[in-house]
Protein backbone atom coordinates (compact mmCIF):
# COMPACT_ATOMS: atom_id res chain seq x y z
CA UNK A 1 0.00 0.00 0.00
CA UNK A 2 3.04 2.27 -0.02
CA UNK A 3 2.79 3.18 3.67
CA UNK A 4 6.47 2.86 4.51
CA UNK A 5 7.92 6.35 4.23
CA UNK A 6 11.29 5.88 5.92
CA UNK A 7 13.91 3.85 4.05
CA UNK A 8 16.71 4.61 6.55
CA UNK A 9 17.39 1.26 8.25
CA UNK A 10 18.92 3.03 11.26
CA UNK A 11 15.41 4.25 12.16
CA UNK A 12 14.01 0.71 12.46
CA UNK A 13 14.69 0.57 16.19
CA UNK A 14 11.27 0.70 17.90
CA UNK A 15 11.87 4.38 18.73
CA UNK A 16 11.13 5.97 15.37
CA UNK A 17 7.89 5.83 13.41
CA UNK A 18 8.66 4.58 9.91
CA UNK A 19 5.10 4.61 8.54
CA UNK A 20 1.78 6.30 9.32
CA UNK A 21 -1.37 4.50 10.41
CA UNK A 22 -4.81 4.93 8.89
CA UNK A 23 -5.58 7.74 11.36
CA UNK A 24 -2.17 9.14 12.45
CA UNK A 25 0.62 10.74 10.44
CA UNK A 26 4.20 9.64 11.08
CA UNK A 27 4.80 12.80 13.10
CA UNK A 28 1.72 12.20 15.27
CA UNK A 29 2.65 8.55 15.75
CA UNK A 30 6.20 9.54 16.64
CA UNK A 31 4.84 11.93 19.29
CA UNK A 32 2.64 9.19 20.74
CA UNK A 33 5.57 6.76 20.84
CA UNK A 34 7.64 9.38 22.64
CA UNK A 35 4.88 9.97 25.21
CA UNK A 36 4.52 6.25 25.85
CA UNK A 37 8.26 5.78 26.36
CA UNK A 38 8.44 8.89 28.55
CA UNK A 39 5.57 7.74 30.75
CA UNK A 40 7.04 4.27 31.16
CA UNK A 41 10.68 5.27 31.63
CA UNK A 42 9.94 8.55 33.39
CA UNK A 43 11.56 8.45 36.84
CA UNK A 44 14.87 10.29 37.19
CA UNK A 45 16.56 7.27 38.75
CA UNK A 46 15.44 5.05 35.87
CA UNK A 47 16.51 7.68 33.32
CA UNK A 48 20.03 7.96 34.74
CA UNK A 49 20.39 4.19 34.91
CA UNK A 50 19.31 3.98 31.29
CA UNK A 51 21.62 6.72 30.03
CA UNK A 52 24.63 4.98 31.60
CA UNK A 53 23.49 1.40 30.94
CA UNK A 54 25.86 -1.23 29.56
CA UNK A 55 23.20 -2.12 26.97
CA UNK A 56 23.71 -0.18 23.74
CA UNK A 57 20.00 -0.28 22.85
CA UNK A 58 18.97 0.95 26.30
CA UNK A 59 21.53 3.79 26.21
CA UNK A 60 20.35 4.78 22.74
CA UNK A 61 16.70 4.78 23.84
CA UNK A 62 17.28 6.86 26.95
CA UNK A 63 19.61 9.31 25.23
CA UNK A 64 17.07 9.77 22.46
CA UNK A 65 14.32 10.45 25.01
CA UNK A 66 16.55 12.98 26.79
CA UNK A 67 17.26 14.70 23.47
CA UNK A 68 13.56 14.88 22.63
CA UNK A 69 12.76 16.32 26.07
CA UNK A 70 15.37 19.06 25.58
CA UNK A 71 14.06 19.89 22.12
CA UNK A 72 10.52 20.16 23.47
CA UNK A 73 11.72 22.52 26.20
CA UNK A 74 13.36 24.79 23.62
CA UNK A 75 10.30 24.76 21.37
CA UNK A 76 7.74 25.32 24.10
C-alpha atoms as a PDB file:
ATOM      1  CA  UNK A   1       0.000   0.000   0.000  1.00  0.00           C
ATOM      2  CA  UNK A   2       3.037   2.270  -0.022  1.00  0.00           C
ATOM      3  CA  UNK A   3       2.792   3.182   3.670  1.00  0.00           C
ATOM      4  CA  UNK A   4       6.472   2.862   4.509  1.00  0.00           C
ATOM      5  CA  UNK A   5       7.920   6.346   4.231  1.00  0.00           C
ATOM      6  CA  UNK A   6      11.289   5.876   5.920  1.00  0.00           C
ATOM      7  CA  UNK A   7      13.906   3.853   4.053  1.00  0.00           C
ATOM      8  CA  UNK A   8      16.709   4.608   6.550  1.00  0.00           C
ATOM      9  CA  UNK A   9      17.392   1.257   8.246  1.00  0.00           C
ATOM     10  CA  UNK A  10      18.919   3.035  11.264  1.00  0.00           C
ATOM     11  CA  UNK A  11      15.407   4.253  12.165  1.00  0.00           C
ATOM     12  CA  UNK A  12      14.010   0.707  12.462  1.00  0.00           C
ATOM     13  CA  UNK A  13      14.695   0.571  16.192  1.00  0.00           C
ATOM     14  CA  UNK A  14      11.274   0.702  17.904  1.00  0.00           C
ATOM     15  CA  UNK A  15      11.868   4.377  18.725  1.00  0.00           C
ATOM     16  CA  UNK A  16      11.131   5.974  15.374  1.00  0.00           C
ATOM     17  CA  UNK A  17       7.889   5.825  13.411  1.00  0.00           C
ATOM     18  CA  UNK A  18       8.655   4.584   9.910  1.00  0.00           C
ATOM     19  CA  UNK A  19       5.097   4.614   8.541  1.00  0.00           C
ATOM     20  CA  UNK A  20       1.782   6.299   9.318  1.00  0.00           C
ATOM     21  CA  UNK A  21      -1.374   4.496  10.407  1.00  0.00           C
ATOM     22  CA  UNK A  22      -4.813   4.929   8.890  1.00  0.00           C
ATOM     23  CA  UNK A  23      -5.577   7.738  11.365  1.00  0.00           C
ATOM     24  CA  UNK A  24      -2.169   9.135  12.448  1.00  0.00           C
ATOM     25  CA  UNK A  25       0.616  10.739  10.442  1.00  0.00           C
ATOM     26  CA  UNK A  26       4.201   9.643  11.080  1.00  0.00           C
ATOM     27  CA  UNK A  27       4.804  12.801  13.104  1.00  0.00           C
ATOM     28  CA  UNK A  28       1.723  12.203  15.270  1.00  0.00           C
ATOM     29  CA  UNK A  29       2.648   8.555  15.753  1.00  0.00           C
ATOM     30  CA  UNK A  30       6.201   9.544  16.638  1.00  0.00           C
ATOM     31  CA  UNK A  31       4.843  11.928  19.288  1.00  0.00           C
ATOM     32  CA  UNK A  32       2.639   9.191  20.736  1.00  0.00           C
ATOM     33  CA  UNK A  33       5.565   6.756  20.840  1.00  0.00           C
ATOM     34  CA  UNK A  34       7.641   9.378  22.639  1.00  0.00           C
ATOM     35  CA  UNK A  35       4.883   9.974  25.207  1.00  0.00           C
ATOM     36  CA  UNK A  36       4.515   6.246  25.846  1.00  0.00           C
ATOM     37  CA  UNK A  37       8.257   5.780  26.365  1.00  0.00           C
ATOM     38  CA  UNK A  38       8.444   8.888  28.546  1.00  0.00           C
ATOM     39  CA  UNK A  39       5.574   7.740  30.754  1.00  0.00           C
ATOM     40  CA  UNK A  40       7.038   4.275  31.158  1.00  0.00           C
ATOM     41  CA  UNK A  41      10.684   5.270  31.631  1.00  0.00           C
ATOM     42  CA  UNK A  42       9.938   8.553  33.386  1.00  0.00           C
ATOM     43  CA  UNK A  43      11.562   8.447  36.840  1.00  0.00           C
ATOM     44  CA  UNK A  44      14.868  10.293  37.195  1.00  0.00           C
ATOM     45  CA  UNK A  45      16.565   7.274  38.746  1.00  0.00           C
ATOM     46  CA  UNK A  46      15.444   5.052  35.870  1.00  0.00           C
ATOM     47  CA  UNK A  47      16.512   7.685  33.323  1.00  0.00           C
ATOM     48  CA  UNK A  48      20.034   7.961  34.737  1.00  0.00           C
ATOM     49  CA  UNK A  49      20.395   4.185  34.912  1.00  0.00           C
ATOM     50  CA  UNK A  50      19.310   3.985  31.289  1.00  0.00           C
ATOM     51  CA  UNK A  51      21.616   6.722  30.029  1.00  0.00           C
ATOM     52  CA  UNK A  52      24.628   4.980  31.596  1.00  0.00           C
ATOM     53  CA  UNK A  53      23.493   1.399  30.936  1.00  0.00           C
ATOM     54  CA  UNK A  54      25.864  -1.226  29.564  1.00  0.00           C
ATOM     55  CA  UNK A  55      23.196  -2.115  26.972  1.00  0.00           C
ATOM     56  CA  UNK A  56      23.715  -0.182  23.741  1.00  0.00           C
ATOM     57  CA  UNK A  57      19.995  -0.279  22.851  1.00  0.00           C
ATOM     58  CA  UNK A  58      18.968   0.946  26.301  1.00  0.00           C
ATOM     59  CA  UNK A  59      21.529   3.786  26.208  1.00  0.00           C
ATOM     60  CA  UNK A  60      20.354   4.777  22.737  1.00  0.00           C
ATOM     61  CA  UNK A  61      16.705   4.785  23.835  1.00  0.00           C
ATOM     62  CA  UNK A  62      17.276   6.857  26.951  1.00  0.00           C
ATOM     63  CA  UNK A  63      19.609   9.314  25.231  1.00  0.00           C
ATOM     64  CA  UNK A  64      17.072   9.773  22.458  1.00  0.00           C
ATOM     65  CA  UNK A  65      14.320  10.451  25.009  1.00  0.00           C
ATOM     66  CA  UNK A  66      16.549  12.982  26.791  1.00  0.00           C
ATOM     67  CA  UNK A  67      17.260  14.700  23.469  1.00  0.00           C
ATOM     68  CA  UNK A  68      13.560  14.885  22.627  1.00  0.00           C
ATOM     69  CA  UNK A  69      12.758  16.321  26.065  1.00  0.00           C
ATOM     70  CA  UNK A  70      15.371  19.057  25.583  1.00  0.00           C
ATOM     71  CA  UNK A  71      14.059  19.889  22.123  1.00  0.00           C
ATOM     72  CA  UNK A  72      10.517  20.163  23.465  1.00  0.00           C
ATOM     73  CA  UNK A  73      11.716  22.523  26.195  1.00  0.00           C
ATOM     74  CA  UNK A  74      13.360  24.795  23.625  1.00  0.00           C
ATOM     75  CA  UNK A  75      10.303  24.756  21.367  1.00  0.00           C
ATOM     76  CA  UNK A  76       7.744  25.321  24.096  1.00  0.00           C
END
